[in-house]
């Protein structure tokens, strides 16, 4: 008679991915990866999820720009494309900050992105305390995110936080705080592109911006 043995199911490692949109975008721009900016960030999150692990949430953090018009159109199209995936878009905002020239003493205002690092920290901490993930992947090189990474690992020793640095973005402090780090580069971006045309549920067609071809 064959003896049936009980098989203990392997616990699924739940993965959450947090994407600092502008940090990623500007890193890719500096690397001259414009042809990869039509990036499917949900597919990138899947690409970073190891076999046997389960992707449970993807959150993308950005702020809507106010100009120039061509850039606004590109951003709107791109955010609409992201919205066709199972990605939550969490908006920040731009705020005019005063700048003073050290030589001529003139003053002017420049728009600065606000709230993104706070939003990322809040979402990561909330999801950790609510036990929504076992492993977090943070795509950013912003050292302002060191405190939430440290707090999560201090309070929840069983959890892991992996930092994925965009091109031309790095923080030694963030690297020291994280469980481990990796570097995003051309192969990941090339493998995770949207189709050139995407049809939304309402039938509207989104097309890759011409300058991103």
C-alpha atoms as a PDB file:
ATOM      1  CA  UNK A   1       0.000   0.000   0.000  1.00  0.00           C
ATOM      2  CA  UNK A   2       1.343   3.416  -0.960  1.00  0.00           C
ATOM      3  CA  UNK A   3       1.672   5.783   1.975  1.00  0.00           C
ATOM      4  CA  UNK A   4       0.375   9.291   1.284  1.00  0.00           C
ATOM      5  CA  UNK A   5       2.594  11.978   2.738  1.00  0.00           C
ATOM      6  CA  UNK A   6       1.306  15.394   3.632  1.00  0.00           C
ATOM      7  CA  UNK A   7       2.965  18.179   1.693  1.00  0.00           C
ATOM      8  CA  UNK A   8       3.302  21.439   3.562  1.00  0.00           C
ATOM      9  CA  UNK A   9       2.458  24.266   1.147  1.00  0.00           C
ATOM     10  CA  UNK A  10       5.220  26.781   0.571  1.00  0.00           C
ATOM     11  CA  UNK A  11       4.335  30.224   1.839  1.00  0.00           C
ATOM     12  CA  UNK A  12       3.975  32.702  -1.011  1.00  0.00           C
ATOM     13  CA  UNK A  13       6.339  35.663  -0.738  1.00  0.00           C
ATOM     14  CA  UNK A  14       4.160  38.726  -1.354  1.00  0.00           C
ATOM     15  CA  UNK A  15       5.935  41.473  -3.298  1.00  0.00           C
ATOM     16  CA  UNK A  16       4.975  45.163  -3.383  1.00  0.00           C
ATOM     17  CA  UNK A  17       6.668  47.595  -5.784  1.00  0.00           C
ATOM     18  CA  UNK A  18       6.911  51.362  -5.211  1.00  0.00           C
ATOM     19  CA  UNK A  19       8.055  53.518  -8.138  1.00  0.00           C
ATOM     20  CA  UNK A  20       9.398  57.063  -7.795  1.00  0.00           C
ATOM     21  CA  UNK A  21       8.217  58.263 -11.214  1.00  0.00           C
ATOM     22  CA  UNK A  22      10.321  61.394 -11.673  1.00  0.00           C
ATOM     23  CA  UNK A  23      13.440  59.792 -10.224  1.00  0.00           C
ATOM     24  CA  UNK A  24      13.099  56.984 -12.744  1.00  0.00           C
ATOM     25  CA  UNK A  25      12.191  59.314 -15.632  1.00  0.00           C
ATOM     26  CA  UNK A  26      15.073  61.737 -15.134  1.00  0.00           C
ATOM     27  CA  UNK A  27      17.552  58.900 -14.657  1.00  0.00           C
ATOM     28  CA  UNK A  28      16.462  57.396 -17.967  1.00  0.00           C
ATOM     29  CA  UNK A  29      16.669  60.807 -19.644  1.00  0.00           C
ATOM     30  CA  UNK A  30      20.224  61.324 -18.393  1.00  0.00           C
ATOM     31  CA  UNK A  31      21.119  57.874 -19.732  1.00  0.00           C
ATOM     32  CA  UNK A  32      19.623  58.917 -23.094  1.00  0.00           C
ATOM     33  CA  UNK A  33      17.041  56.147 -22.903  1.00  0.00           C
ATOM     34  CA  UNK A  34      14.240  58.209 -24.476  1.00  0.00           C
ATOM     35  CA  UNK A  35      13.367  55.247 -26.708  1.00  0.00           C
ATOM     36  CA  UNK A  36      12.477  53.273 -23.552  1.00  0.00           C
ATOM     37  CA  UNK A  37      10.334  55.927 -21.827  1.00  0.00           C
ATOM     38  CA  UNK A  38       7.130  54.199 -23.046  1.00  0.00           C
ATOM     39  CA  UNK A  39       7.764  51.894 -20.102  1.00  0.00           C
ATOM     40  CA  UNK A  40       5.144  49.506 -18.772  1.00  0.00           C
ATOM     41  CA  UNK A  41       5.950  49.874 -15.086  1.00  0.00           C
ATOM     42  CA  UNK A  42       3.651  47.014 -14.095  1.00  0.00           C
ATOM     43  CA  UNK A  43       5.522  44.683 -16.434  1.00  0.00           C
ATOM     44  CA  UNK A  44       8.777  46.006 -14.969  1.00  0.00           C
ATOM     45  CA  UNK A  45       7.463  45.120 -11.505  1.00  0.00           C
ATOM     46  CA  UNK A  46       6.627  41.624 -12.756  1.00  0.00           C
ATOM     47  CA  UNK A  47      10.104  41.397 -14.294  1.00  0.00           C
ATOM     48  CA  UNK A  48      11.642  42.167 -10.884  1.00  0.00           C
ATOM     49  CA  UNK A  49       9.495  39.593  -9.080  1.00  0.00           C
ATOM     50  CA  UNK A  50      11.356  36.325  -8.597  1.00  0.00           C
ATOM     51  CA  UNK A  51       9.816  32.988  -9.635  1.00  0.00           C
ATOM     52  CA  UNK A  52       7.640  31.602  -6.877  1.00  0.00           C
ATOM     53  CA  UNK A  53       6.955  35.063  -5.458  1.00  0.00           C
ATOM     54  CA  UNK A  54       3.632  36.844  -5.937  1.00  0.00           C
ATOM     55  CA  UNK A  55       3.256  40.469  -7.059  1.00  0.00           C
ATOM     56  CA  UNK A  56       0.460  41.887  -4.898  1.00  0.00           C
ATOM     57  CA  UNK A  57       0.602  45.625  -5.590  1.00  0.00           C
ATOM     58  CA  UNK A  58       2.349  48.254  -7.710  1.00  0.00           C
ATOM     59  CA  UNK A  59       2.224  51.954  -6.816  1.00  0.00           C
ATOM     60  CA  UNK A  60       3.512  54.718  -9.089  1.00  0.00           C
ATOM     61  CA  UNK A  61       4.233  58.161  -7.626  1.00  0.00           C
ATOM     62  CA  UNK A  62       4.380  61.306  -9.735  1.00  0.00           C
ATOM     63  CA  UNK A  63       3.077  64.864 -10.133  1.00  0.00           C
ATOM     64  CA  UNK A  64       1.330  66.339 -13.153  1.00  0.00           C
ATOM     65  CA  UNK A  65       3.332  69.059 -14.862  1.00  0.00           C
ATOM     66  CA  UNK A  66       1.799  72.307 -16.153  1.00  0.00           C
ATOM     67  CA  UNK A  67       3.979  72.919 -19.222  1.00  0.00           C
ATOM     68  CA  UNK A  68       5.208  73.080 -21.892  1.00  0.00           C
ATOM     69  CA  UNK A  69       2.129  71.802 -23.791  1.00  0.00           C
ATOM     70  CA  UNK A  70       3.949  69.002 -25.662  1.00  0.00           C
ATOM     71  CA  UNK A  71       5.370  67.641 -22.404  1.00  0.00           C
ATOM     72  CA  UNK A  72       1.942  67.830 -20.759  1.00  0.00           C
ATOM     73  CA  UNK A  73       0.431  65.806 -23.610  1.00  0.00           C
ATOM     74  CA  UNK A  74       3.167  63.188 -23.379  1.00  0.00           C
ATOM     75  CA  UNK A  75       2.741  62.865 -19.642  1.00  0.00           C
ATOM     76  CA  UNK A  76      -1.062  62.644 -19.873  1.00  0.00           C
ATOM     77  CA  UNK A  77      -0.789  59.951 -22.533  1.00  0.00           C
ATOM     78  CA  UNK A  78       1.756  58.014 -20.484  1.00  0.00           C
ATOM     79  CA  UNK A  79      -0.281  58.167 -17.267  1.00  0.00           C
ATOM     80  CA  UNK A  80      -3.347  57.015 -19.197  1.00  0.00           C
ATOM     81  CA  UNK A  81      -1.273  54.078 -20.454  1.00  0.00           C
ATOM     82  CA  UNK A  82      -0.166  53.183 -16.924  1.00  0.00           C
ATOM     83  CA  UNK A  83      -3.797  53.425 -15.830  1.00  0.00           C
ATOM     84  CA  UNK A  84      -4.660  50.540 -18.182  1.00  0.00           C
ATOM     85  CA  UNK A  85      -2.557  48.246 -15.955  1.00  0.00           C
ATOM     86  CA  UNK A  86      -3.085  47.095 -12.372  1.00  0.00           C
ATOM     87  CA  UNK A  87      -0.968  50.003 -11.127  1.00  0.00           C
ATOM     88  CA  UNK A  88      -2.162  52.573  -8.598  1.00  0.00           C
ATOM     89  CA  UNK A  89      -1.074  56.111  -9.497  1.00  0.00           C
ATOM     90  CA  UNK A  90      -0.529  58.295  -6.424  1.00  0.00           C
ATOM     91  CA  UNK A  91      -0.201  62.005  -7.288  1.00  0.00           C
ATOM     92  CA  UNK A  92       1.928  64.662  -5.665  1.00  0.00           C
ATOM     93  CA  UNK A  93       2.046  68.300  -6.762  1.00  0.00           C
ATOM     94  CA  UNK A  94       4.343  71.043  -7.985  1.00  0.00           C
ATOM     95  CA  UNK A  95       4.963  74.139  -5.888  1.00  0.00           C
ATOM     96  CA  UNK A  96       6.782  77.332  -6.891  1.00  0.00           C
ATOM     97  CA  UNK A  97       9.932  77.818  -4.823  1.00  0.00           C
ATOM     98  CA  UNK A  98      11.954  81.063  -4.724  1.00  0.00           C
ATOM     99  CA  UNK A  99      15.485  81.013  -6.135  1.00  0.00           C
ATOM    100  CA  UNK A 100      18.077  83.783  -5.676  1.00  0.00           C
ATOM    101  CA  UNK A 101      21.045  84.310  -7.981  1.00  0.00           C
ATOM    102  CA  UNK A 102      24.275  84.495  -5.981  1.00  0.00           C
ATOM    103  CA  UNK A 103      25.832  86.946  -8.431  1.00  0.00           C
ATOM    104  CA  UNK A 104      23.139  89.353  -9.616  1.00  0.00           C
ATOM    105  CA  UNK A 105      20.823  88.852  -6.582  1.00  0.00           C
ATOM    106  CA  UNK A 106      17.795  88.507  -8.861  1.00  0.00           C
ATOM    107  CA  UNK A 107      14.984  86.319  -7.577  1.00  0.00           C
ATOM    108  CA  UNK A 108      12.563  84.088  -9.471  1.00  0.00           C
ATOM    109  CA  UNK A 109      10.291  81.130  -8.902  1.00  0.00           C
ATOM    110  CA  UNK A 110      10.846  77.612 -10.198  1.00  0.00           C
ATOM    111  CA  UNK A 111       8.389  74.714  -9.894  1.00  0.00           C
ATOM    112  CA  UNK A 112       9.549  71.927  -7.583  1.00  0.00           C
ATOM    113  CA  UNK A 113       7.901  68.559  -7.140  1.00  0.00           C
ATOM    114  CA  UNK A 114       6.492  68.145  -3.654  1.00  0.00           C
ATOM    115  CA  UNK A 115       4.980  65.315  -1.630  1.00  0.00           C
ATOM    116  CA  UNK A 116       6.341  62.392  -3.657  1.00  0.00           C
ATOM    117  CA  UNK A 117       8.881  61.235  -1.057  1.00  0.00           C
ATOM    118  CA  UNK A 118       6.301  61.747   1.706  1.00  0.00           C
ATOM    119  CA  UNK A 119       3.700  59.808  -0.287  1.00  0.00           C
ATOM    120  CA  UNK A 120       6.118  56.933  -0.898  1.00  0.00           C
ATOM    121  CA  UNK A 121       7.122  56.817   2.765  1.00  0.00           C
ATOM    122  CA  UNK A 122       3.492  56.913   3.908  1.00  0.00           C
ATOM    123  CA  UNK A 123       2.390  54.160   1.537  1.00  0.00           C
ATOM    124  CA  UNK A 124       5.337  51.868   2.317  1.00  0.00           C
ATOM    125  CA  UNK A 125       4.898  52.262   6.069  1.00  0.00           C
ATOM    126  CA  UNK A 126       1.129  51.828   5.897  1.00  0.00           C
ATOM    127  CA  UNK A 127       1.424  48.685   3.772  1.00  0.00           C
ATOM    128  CA  UNK A 128       4.093  47.282   6.106  1.00  0.00           C
ATOM    129  CA  UNK A 129       2.036  47.870   9.253  1.00  0.00           C
ATOM    130  CA  UNK A 130      -1.063  46.412   7.551  1.00  0.00           C
ATOM    131  CA  UNK A 131       1.076  43.415   6.533  1.00  0.00           C
ATOM    132  CA  UNK A 132       0.344  43.789   2.826  1.00  0.00           C
ATOM    133  CA  UNK A 133       3.769  42.552   1.734  1.00  0.00           C
ATOM    134  CA  UNK A 134       6.713  40.386   2.737  1.00  0.00           C
ATOM    135  CA  UNK A 135       9.145  42.026   0.333  1.00  0.00           C
ATOM    136  CA  UNK A 136       9.100  45.606  -0.963  1.00  0.00           C
ATOM    137  CA  UNK A 137      10.970  46.783  -4.043  1.00  0.00           C
ATOM    138  CA  UNK A 138      11.605  50.533  -4.081  1.00  0.00           C
ATOM    139  CA  UNK A 139      12.577  52.021  -7.451  1.00  0.00           C
ATOM    140  CA  UNK A 140      14.326  55.250  -6.511  1.00  0.00           C
ATOM    141  CA  UNK A 141      17.667  56.765  -5.646  1.00  0.00           C
ATOM    142  CA  UNK A 142      16.257  59.401  -3.273  1.00  0.00           C
ATOM    143  CA  UNK A 143      18.090  59.421   0.064  1.00  0.00           C
ATOM    144  CA  UNK A 144      15.045  61.051   1.697  1.00  0.00           C
ATOM    145  CA  UNK A 145      13.538  57.546   1.708  1.00  0.00           C
ATOM    146  CA  UNK A 146      16.142  56.152   4.101  1.00  0.00           C
ATOM    147  CA  UNK A 147      14.013  56.708   7.263  1.00  0.00           C
ATOM    148  CA  UNK A 148      10.968  54.665   6.129  1.00  0.00           C
ATOM    149  CA  UNK A 149      13.216  51.861   4.843  1.00  0.00           C
ATOM    150  CA  UNK A 150      15.062  51.718   8.184  1.00  0.00           C
ATOM    151  CA  UNK A 151      11.835  51.828  10.182  1.00  0.00           C
ATOM    152  CA  UNK A 152      10.232  48.993   8.216  1.00  0.00           C
ATOM    153  CA  UNK A 153      13.273  46.755   8.661  1.00  0.00           C
ATOM    154  CA  UNK A 154      13.623  47.660  12.335  1.00  0.00           C
ATOM    155  CA  UNK A 155       9.965  47.017  13.195  1.00  0.00           C
ATOM    156  CA  UNK A 156       9.510  43.998  10.908  1.00  0.00           C
ATOM    157  CA  UNK A 157      12.754  41.995  10.800  1.00  0.00           C
ATOM    158  CA  UNK A 158      11.155  39.278   8.647  1.00  0.00           C
ATOM    159  CA  UNK A 159      10.358  41.740   5.853  1.00  0.00           C
ATOM    160  CA  UNK A 160      12.823  42.772   3.167  1.00  0.00           C
ATOM    161  CA  UNK A 161      13.247  46.037   1.287  1.00  0.00           C
ATOM    162  CA  UNK A 162      15.117  45.913  -2.015  1.00  0.00           C
ATOM    163  CA  UNK A 163      16.176  49.199  -3.638  1.00  0.00           C
ATOM    164  CA  UNK A 164      16.358  49.234  -7.443  1.00  0.00           C
ATOM    165  CA  UNK A 165      18.389  52.251  -8.553  1.00  0.00           C
ATOM    166  CA  UNK A 166      17.415  53.912 -11.866  1.00  0.00           C
ATOM    167  CA  UNK A 167      20.241  54.877 -14.242  1.00  0.00           C
ATOM    168  CA  UNK A 168      22.403  57.725 -12.937  1.00  0.00           C
ATOM    169  CA  UNK A 169      20.673  57.559  -9.544  1.00  0.00           C
ATOM    170  CA  UNK A 170      22.372  56.282  -6.412  1.00  0.00           C
ATOM    171  CA  UNK A 171      22.434  56.862  -2.663  1.00  0.00           C
ATOM    172  CA  UNK A 172      25.046  55.251  -0.439  1.00  0.00           C
ATOM    173  CA  UNK A 173      22.792  55.842   2.574  1.00  0.00           C
ATOM    174  CA  UNK A 174      19.843  54.157   0.859  1.00  0.00           C
ATOM    175  CA  UNK A 175      22.072  51.257  -0.162  1.00  0.00           C
ATOM    176  CA  UNK A 176      23.259  50.846   3.434  1.00  0.00           C
ATOM    177  CA  UNK A 177      19.707  50.947   4.794  1.00  0.00           C
ATOM    178  CA  UNK A 178      18.185  48.416   2.365  1.00  0.00           C
ATOM    179  CA  UNK A 179      18.275  44.636   2.563  1.00  0.00           C
ATOM    180  CA  UNK A 180      19.945  44.630  -0.852  1.00  0.00           C
ATOM    181  CA  UNK A 181      20.125  46.729  -4.008  1.00  0.00           C
ATOM    182  CA  UNK A 182      20.195  46.322  -7.760  1.00  0.00           C
ATOM    183  CA  UNK A 183      20.696  48.566 -10.786  1.00  0.00           C
ATOM    184  CA  UNK A 184      18.061  49.025 -13.495  1.00  0.00           C
ATOM    185  CA  UNK A 185      19.428  49.342 -17.000  1.00  0.00           C
ATOM    186  CA  UNK A 186      18.675  48.964 -20.690  1.00  0.00           C
ATOM    187  CA  UNK A 187      17.769  45.223 -20.759  1.00  0.00           C
ATOM    188  CA  UNK A 188      14.990  45.657 -18.187  1.00  0.00           C
ATOM    189  CA  UNK A 189      13.557  48.704 -19.939  1.00  0.00           C
ATOM    190  CA  UNK A 190      13.700  47.110 -23.382  1.00  0.00           C
ATOM    191  CA  UNK A 191      11.877  44.000 -22.144  1.00  0.00           C
ATOM    192  CA  UNK A 192       9.066  45.982 -20.502  1.00  0.00           C
ATOM    193  CA  UNK A 193       7.723  48.337 -23.184  1.00  0.00           C
ATOM    194  CA  UNK A 194       4.063  49.024 -23.903  1.00  0.00           C
ATOM    195  CA  UNK A 195       2.744  48.152 -27.357  1.00  0.00           C
ATOM    196  CA  UNK A 196       3.032  51.161 -29.712  1.00  0.00           C
ATOM    197  CA  UNK A 197      -0.772  51.497 -29.577  1.00  0.00           C
ATOM    198  CA  UNK A 198      -2.971  50.741 -26.563  1.00  0.00           C
ATOM    199  CA  UNK A 199      -6.763  50.624 -26.674  1.00  0.00           C
ATOM    200  CA  UNK A 200      -8.494  51.842 -23.521  1.00  0.00           C
ATOM    201  CA  UNK A 201     -11.793  50.359 -22.295  1.00  0.00           C
ATOM    202  CA  UNK A 202     -13.699  53.267 -23.879  1.00  0.00           C
ATOM    203  CA  UNK A 203     -12.093  52.539 -27.266  1.00  0.00           C
ATOM    204  CA  UNK A 204      -9.685  55.498 -27.166  1.00  0.00           C
ATOM    205  CA  UNK A 205      -6.277  54.671 -28.667  1.00  0.00           C
ATOM    206  CA  UNK A 206      -3.120  55.734 -26.854  1.00  0.00           C
ATOM    207  CA  UNK A 207       0.003  55.964 -29.005  1.00  0.00           C
ATOM    208  CA  UNK A 208       3.657  56.027 -28.079  1.00  0.00           C
ATOM    209  CA  UNK A 209       4.818  59.684 -28.284  1.00  0.00           C
ATOM    210  CA  UNK A 210       6.801  60.287 -31.471  1.00  0.00           C
ATOM    211  CA  UNK A 211       9.813  61.617 -29.567  1.00  0.00           C
ATOM    212  CA  UNK A 212       9.977  58.309 -27.657  1.00  0.00           C
ATOM    213  CA  UNK A 213      10.381  56.192 -30.817  1.00  0.00           C
END
